């Protein structure tokens, strides 16, 4: 079945394409009016300006589509098959016919949940704007505390 492959391919992270051509695979946590807050295993928590975003592929859409196909296939099998589920000996054939629609409905539910959650987090603008990046300090004189030079233990002793 292709459902486990679709579940792995479409996890809970979004693919965010920036205008410079790069792609970031991260979970959308929330947003502010000018930025979105992201989290990933590789980079930790970070922000990205909304102006720099070219497109977003939200998670769950592939999984929900695969769930629709699997549910339709499962219900079609239930409609055309003549497998009765009346006796205990027919549990195996009954489970084979009932499992695809149940798995498909679960995939639709999980896909829609992850899609709606990521979409709401992307549309969220309630968090405060992140602080501006501080400019680097200009190099200044190096300050040393008194006694910063230790005596050399291998130097010649003073006479």
C-alpha atoms as a PDB file:
ATOM      1  CA  UNK A   1       0.000   0.000   0.000  1.00  0.00           C
ATOM      2  CA  UNK A   2       1.121   3.541  -0.669  1.00  0.00           C
ATOM      3  CA  UNK A   3      -0.425   5.009   2.495  1.00  0.00           C
ATOM      4  CA  UNK A   4       2.667   4.520   4.729  1.00  0.00           C
ATOM      5  CA  UNK A   5       4.827   6.066   2.007  1.00  0.00           C
ATOM      6  CA  UNK A   6       2.486   9.041   1.775  1.00  0.00           C
ATOM      7  CA  UNK A   7       2.500   9.403   5.572  1.00  0.00           C
ATOM      8  CA  UNK A   8       6.288   9.482   5.665  1.00  0.00           C
ATOM      9  CA  UNK A   9       6.565  11.830   2.704  1.00  0.00           C
ATOM     10  CA  UNK A  10       4.093  14.272   4.174  1.00  0.00           C
ATOM     11  CA  UNK A  11       4.845  14.582   7.880  1.00  0.00           C
ATOM     12  CA  UNK A  12       4.049  17.587  10.043  1.00  0.00           C
ATOM     13  CA  UNK A  13       6.582  20.029   8.599  1.00  0.00           C
ATOM     14  CA  UNK A  14       5.972  22.608   5.893  1.00  0.00           C
ATOM     15  CA  UNK A  15       8.224  23.301   2.935  1.00  0.00           C
ATOM     16  CA  UNK A  16       8.801  27.045   2.773  1.00  0.00           C
ATOM     17  CA  UNK A  17      10.367  28.419  -0.404  1.00  0.00           C
ATOM     18  CA  UNK A  18      12.114  31.735  -0.064  1.00  0.00           C
ATOM     19  CA  UNK A  19      12.582  34.276  -2.844  1.00  0.00           C
ATOM     20  CA  UNK A  20      16.270  33.452  -3.247  1.00  0.00           C
ATOM     21  CA  UNK A  21      15.375  29.889  -4.295  1.00  0.00           C
ATOM     22  CA  UNK A  22      16.103  28.028  -1.066  1.00  0.00           C
ATOM     23  CA  UNK A  23      13.737  25.588   0.599  1.00  0.00           C
ATOM     24  CA  UNK A  24      13.323  25.265   4.362  1.00  0.00           C
ATOM     25  CA  UNK A  25      11.662  22.206   5.863  1.00  0.00           C
ATOM     26  CA  UNK A  26      10.311  23.303   9.255  1.00  0.00           C
ATOM     27  CA  UNK A  27       7.222  23.284  11.462  1.00  0.00           C
ATOM     28  CA  UNK A  28       5.319  26.591  11.552  1.00  0.00           C
ATOM     29  CA  UNK A  29       4.844  27.591  15.193  1.00  0.00           C
ATOM     30  CA  UNK A  30       3.137  30.955  14.808  1.00  0.00           C
ATOM     31  CA  UNK A  31       3.661  34.410  13.459  1.00  0.00           C
ATOM     32  CA  UNK A  32       3.747  38.144  13.871  1.00  0.00           C
ATOM     33  CA  UNK A  33       2.614  40.796  11.396  1.00  0.00           C
ATOM     34  CA  UNK A  34       5.947  40.765   9.565  1.00  0.00           C
ATOM     35  CA  UNK A  35       7.471  37.354  10.390  1.00  0.00           C
ATOM     36  CA  UNK A  36       6.664  33.698  10.923  1.00  0.00           C
ATOM     37  CA  UNK A  37       8.104  31.599  13.718  1.00  0.00           C
ATOM     38  CA  UNK A  38       9.554  28.243  12.653  1.00  0.00           C
ATOM     39  CA  UNK A  39      11.050  25.235  14.440  1.00  0.00           C
ATOM     40  CA  UNK A  40      13.120  22.408  12.995  1.00  0.00           C
ATOM     41  CA  UNK A  41      15.380  19.671  14.295  1.00  0.00           C
ATOM     42  CA  UNK A  42      18.364  21.018  12.353  1.00  0.00           C
ATOM     43  CA  UNK A  43      18.104  24.729  13.152  1.00  0.00           C
ATOM     44  CA  UNK A  44      16.067  24.910  16.362  1.00  0.00           C
ATOM     45  CA  UNK A  45      13.627  27.838  16.652  1.00  0.00           C
ATOM     46  CA  UNK A  46      14.030  30.749  14.257  1.00  0.00           C
ATOM     47  CA  UNK A  47      12.058  33.423  12.415  1.00  0.00           C
ATOM     48  CA  UNK A  48      11.624  34.261   8.739  1.00  0.00           C
ATOM     49  CA  UNK A  49      10.307  37.506   7.276  1.00  0.00           C
ATOM     50  CA  UNK A  50       6.996  37.191   5.443  1.00  0.00           C
ATOM     51  CA  UNK A  51       8.432  39.365   2.659  1.00  0.00           C
ATOM     52  CA  UNK A  52      11.092  36.707   1.943  1.00  0.00           C
ATOM     53  CA  UNK A  53       8.568  33.874   1.421  1.00  0.00           C
ATOM     54  CA  UNK A  54       7.804  32.853  -2.164  1.00  0.00           C
ATOM     55  CA  UNK A  55       5.510  29.902  -1.369  1.00  0.00           C
ATOM     56  CA  UNK A  56       4.476  27.438   1.325  1.00  0.00           C
ATOM     57  CA  UNK A  57       3.576  23.771   0.931  1.00  0.00           C
ATOM     58  CA  UNK A  58       1.559  22.911   4.010  1.00  0.00           C
ATOM     59  CA  UNK A  59       1.684  19.355   5.408  1.00  0.00           C
ATOM     60  CA  UNK A  60      -1.208  16.948   5.221  1.00  0.00           C
ATOM     61  CA  UNK A  61      -2.568  17.637   1.751  1.00  0.00           C
ATOM     62  CA  UNK A  62      -0.894  14.580   0.186  1.00  0.00           C
ATOM     63  CA  UNK A  63      -1.940  12.357   3.071  1.00  0.00           C
ATOM     64  CA  UNK A  64      -5.551  13.554   2.928  1.00  0.00           C
ATOM     65  CA  UNK A  65      -5.616  12.914  -0.843  1.00  0.00           C
ATOM     66  CA  UNK A  66      -4.222   9.415  -0.370  1.00  0.00           C
ATOM     67  CA  UNK A  67      -6.804   8.841   2.370  1.00  0.00           C
ATOM     68  CA  UNK A  68      -9.632   9.852   0.030  1.00  0.00           C
ATOM     69  CA  UNK A  69      -8.363   7.432  -2.619  1.00  0.00           C
ATOM     70  CA  UNK A  70      -7.973   4.620  -0.082  1.00  0.00           C
ATOM     71  CA  UNK A  71     -11.416   5.251   1.408  1.00  0.00           C
ATOM     72  CA  UNK A  72     -13.030   5.257  -2.037  1.00  0.00           C
ATOM     73  CA  UNK A  73     -11.219   2.028  -2.945  1.00  0.00           C
ATOM     74  CA  UNK A  74     -12.251   0.413   0.351  1.00  0.00           C
ATOM     75  CA  UNK A  75     -15.902   1.352   0.028  1.00  0.00           C
ATOM     76  CA  UNK A  76     -15.890   0.154  -3.595  1.00  0.00           C
ATOM     77  CA  UNK A  77     -14.536  -3.203  -2.398  1.00  0.00           C
ATOM     78  CA  UNK A  78     -17.249  -3.403   0.246  1.00  0.00           C
ATOM     79  CA  UNK A  79     -19.883  -2.568  -2.367  1.00  0.00           C
ATOM     80  CA  UNK A  80     -18.826  -5.158  -4.979  1.00  0.00           C
ATOM     81  CA  UNK A  81     -17.716  -7.970  -2.666  1.00  0.00           C
ATOM     82  CA  UNK A  82     -20.080 -10.585  -1.335  1.00  0.00           C
ATOM     83  CA  UNK A  83     -18.045 -11.423   1.769  1.00  0.00           C
ATOM     84  CA  UNK A  84     -20.329 -11.961   4.751  1.00  0.00           C
ATOM     85  CA  UNK A  85     -18.933 -11.264   8.187  1.00  0.00           C
ATOM     86  CA  UNK A  86     -21.378 -13.480  10.038  1.00  0.00           C
ATOM     87  CA  UNK A  87     -19.129 -16.228  11.391  1.00  0.00           C
ATOM     88  CA  UNK A  88     -15.851 -16.186  13.282  1.00  0.00           C
ATOM     89  CA  UNK A  89     -14.123 -18.100  10.475  1.00  0.00           C
ATOM     90  CA  UNK A  90     -14.732 -15.224   8.079  1.00  0.00           C
ATOM     91  CA  UNK A  91     -13.041 -12.577  10.231  1.00  0.00           C
ATOM     92  CA  UNK A  92      -9.924 -12.527   8.041  1.00  0.00           C
ATOM     93  CA  UNK A  93     -11.750 -11.828   4.807  1.00  0.00           C
ATOM     94  CA  UNK A  94     -14.022  -9.353   6.547  1.00  0.00           C
ATOM     95  CA  UNK A  95     -11.010  -7.476   7.990  1.00  0.00           C
ATOM     96  CA  UNK A  96      -9.355  -7.343   4.556  1.00  0.00           C
ATOM     97  CA  UNK A  97     -12.441  -5.637   3.167  1.00  0.00           C
ATOM     98  CA  UNK A  98     -13.054  -3.290   6.120  1.00  0.00           C
ATOM     99  CA  UNK A  99      -9.445  -2.198   6.833  1.00  0.00           C
ATOM    100  CA  UNK A 100      -8.916   0.060   3.763  1.00  0.00           C
ATOM    101  CA  UNK A 101     -11.863   2.391   4.408  1.00  0.00           C
ATOM    102  CA  UNK A 102     -10.955   2.656   8.099  1.00  0.00           C
ATOM    103  CA  UNK A 103      -7.304   3.412   7.297  1.00  0.00           C
ATOM    104  CA  UNK A 104      -8.408   5.889   4.650  1.00  0.00           C
ATOM    105  CA  UNK A 105     -10.676   7.734   7.060  1.00  0.00           C
ATOM    106  CA  UNK A 106      -7.851   7.909   9.630  1.00  0.00           C
ATOM    107  CA  UNK A 107      -5.484   9.257   6.956  1.00  0.00           C
ATOM    108  CA  UNK A 108      -8.028  11.896   5.936  1.00  0.00           C
ATOM    109  CA  UNK A 109      -8.436  12.950   9.571  1.00  0.00           C
ATOM    110  CA  UNK A 110      -4.706  13.200  10.269  1.00  0.00           C
ATOM    111  CA  UNK A 111      -4.012  14.956   6.966  1.00  0.00           C
ATOM    112  CA  UNK A 112      -6.705  17.562   7.538  1.00  0.00           C
ATOM    113  CA  UNK A 113      -5.588  18.084  11.149  1.00  0.00           C
ATOM    114  CA  UNK A 114      -1.955  18.757  10.180  1.00  0.00           C
ATOM    115  CA  UNK A 115      -2.975  20.959   7.244  1.00  0.00           C
ATOM    116  CA  UNK A 116      -5.354  23.108   9.292  1.00  0.00           C
ATOM    117  CA  UNK A 117      -2.894  23.387  12.195  1.00  0.00           C
ATOM    118  CA  UNK A 118      -0.044  24.583   9.938  1.00  0.00           C
ATOM    119  CA  UNK A 119      -2.317  26.937   7.998  1.00  0.00           C
ATOM    120  CA  UNK A 120      -3.643  28.539  11.205  1.00  0.00           C
ATOM    121  CA  UNK A 121      -0.115  28.947  12.563  1.00  0.00           C
ATOM    122  CA  UNK A 122       0.953  30.605   9.295  1.00  0.00           C
ATOM    123  CA  UNK A 123      -2.009  32.990   9.344  1.00  0.00           C
ATOM    124  CA  UNK A 124      -1.439  33.835  13.043  1.00  0.00           C
ATOM    125  CA  UNK A 125      -0.223  37.419  13.452  1.00  0.00           C
ATOM    126  CA  UNK A 126      -0.784  37.808  17.196  1.00  0.00           C
ATOM    127  CA  UNK A 127       2.766  37.342  18.483  1.00  0.00           C
ATOM    128  CA  UNK A 128       5.093  40.326  18.926  1.00  0.00           C
ATOM    129  CA  UNK A 129       7.582  41.241  16.244  1.00  0.00           C
ATOM    130  CA  UNK A 130      11.053  39.738  16.854  1.00  0.00           C
ATOM    131  CA  UNK A 131      13.836  42.057  17.942  1.00  0.00           C
ATOM    132  CA  UNK A 132      16.016  43.561  15.264  1.00  0.00           C
ATOM    133  CA  UNK A 133      19.440  42.063  14.824  1.00  0.00           C
ATOM    134  CA  UNK A 134      22.022  44.105  16.688  1.00  0.00           C
ATOM    135  CA  UNK A 135      24.908  45.445  14.607  1.00  0.00           C
ATOM    136  CA  UNK A 136      28.311  44.051  15.545  1.00  0.00           C
ATOM    137  CA  UNK A 137      30.381  46.081  17.942  1.00  0.00           C
ATOM    138  CA  UNK A 138      33.141  48.211  16.573  1.00  0.00           C
ATOM    139  CA  UNK A 139      36.580  46.964  17.583  1.00  0.00           C
ATOM    140  CA  UNK A 140      37.945  48.914  20.492  1.00  0.00           C
ATOM    141  CA  UNK A 141      40.992  48.850  22.669  1.00  0.00           C
ATOM    142  CA  UNK A 142      41.618  45.588  24.458  1.00  0.00           C
ATOM    143  CA  UNK A 143      41.279  46.092  28.173  1.00  0.00           C
ATOM    144  CA  UNK A 144      43.405  44.013  30.496  1.00  0.00           C
ATOM    145  CA  UNK A 145      42.987  43.730  34.221  1.00  0.00           C
ATOM    146  CA  UNK A 146      46.021  44.237  36.442  1.00  0.00           C
ATOM    147  CA  UNK A 147      48.022  41.068  36.800  1.00  0.00           C
ATOM    148  CA  UNK A 148      46.821  39.533  33.562  1.00  0.00           C
ATOM    149  CA  UNK A 149      50.350  38.469  32.697  1.00  0.00           C
ATOM    150  CA  UNK A 150      51.503  35.523  34.680  1.00  0.00           C
ATOM    151  CA  UNK A 151      55.187  35.107  35.393  1.00  0.00           C
ATOM    152  CA  UNK A 152      56.973  32.668  33.150  1.00  0.00           C
ATOM    153  CA  UNK A 153      57.970  29.658  35.251  1.00  0.00           C
ATOM    154  CA  UNK A 154      60.859  28.857  32.911  1.00  0.00           C
ATOM    155  CA  UNK A 155      62.391  32.346  32.921  1.00  0.00           C
ATOM    156  CA  UNK A 156      65.800  33.040  34.419  1.00  0.00           C
ATOM    157  CA  UNK A 157      65.533  33.949  38.072  1.00  0.00           C
ATOM    158  CA  UNK A 158      66.487  37.521  38.904  1.00  0.00           C
ATOM    159  CA  UNK A 159      69.895  37.846  40.626  1.00  0.00           C
END
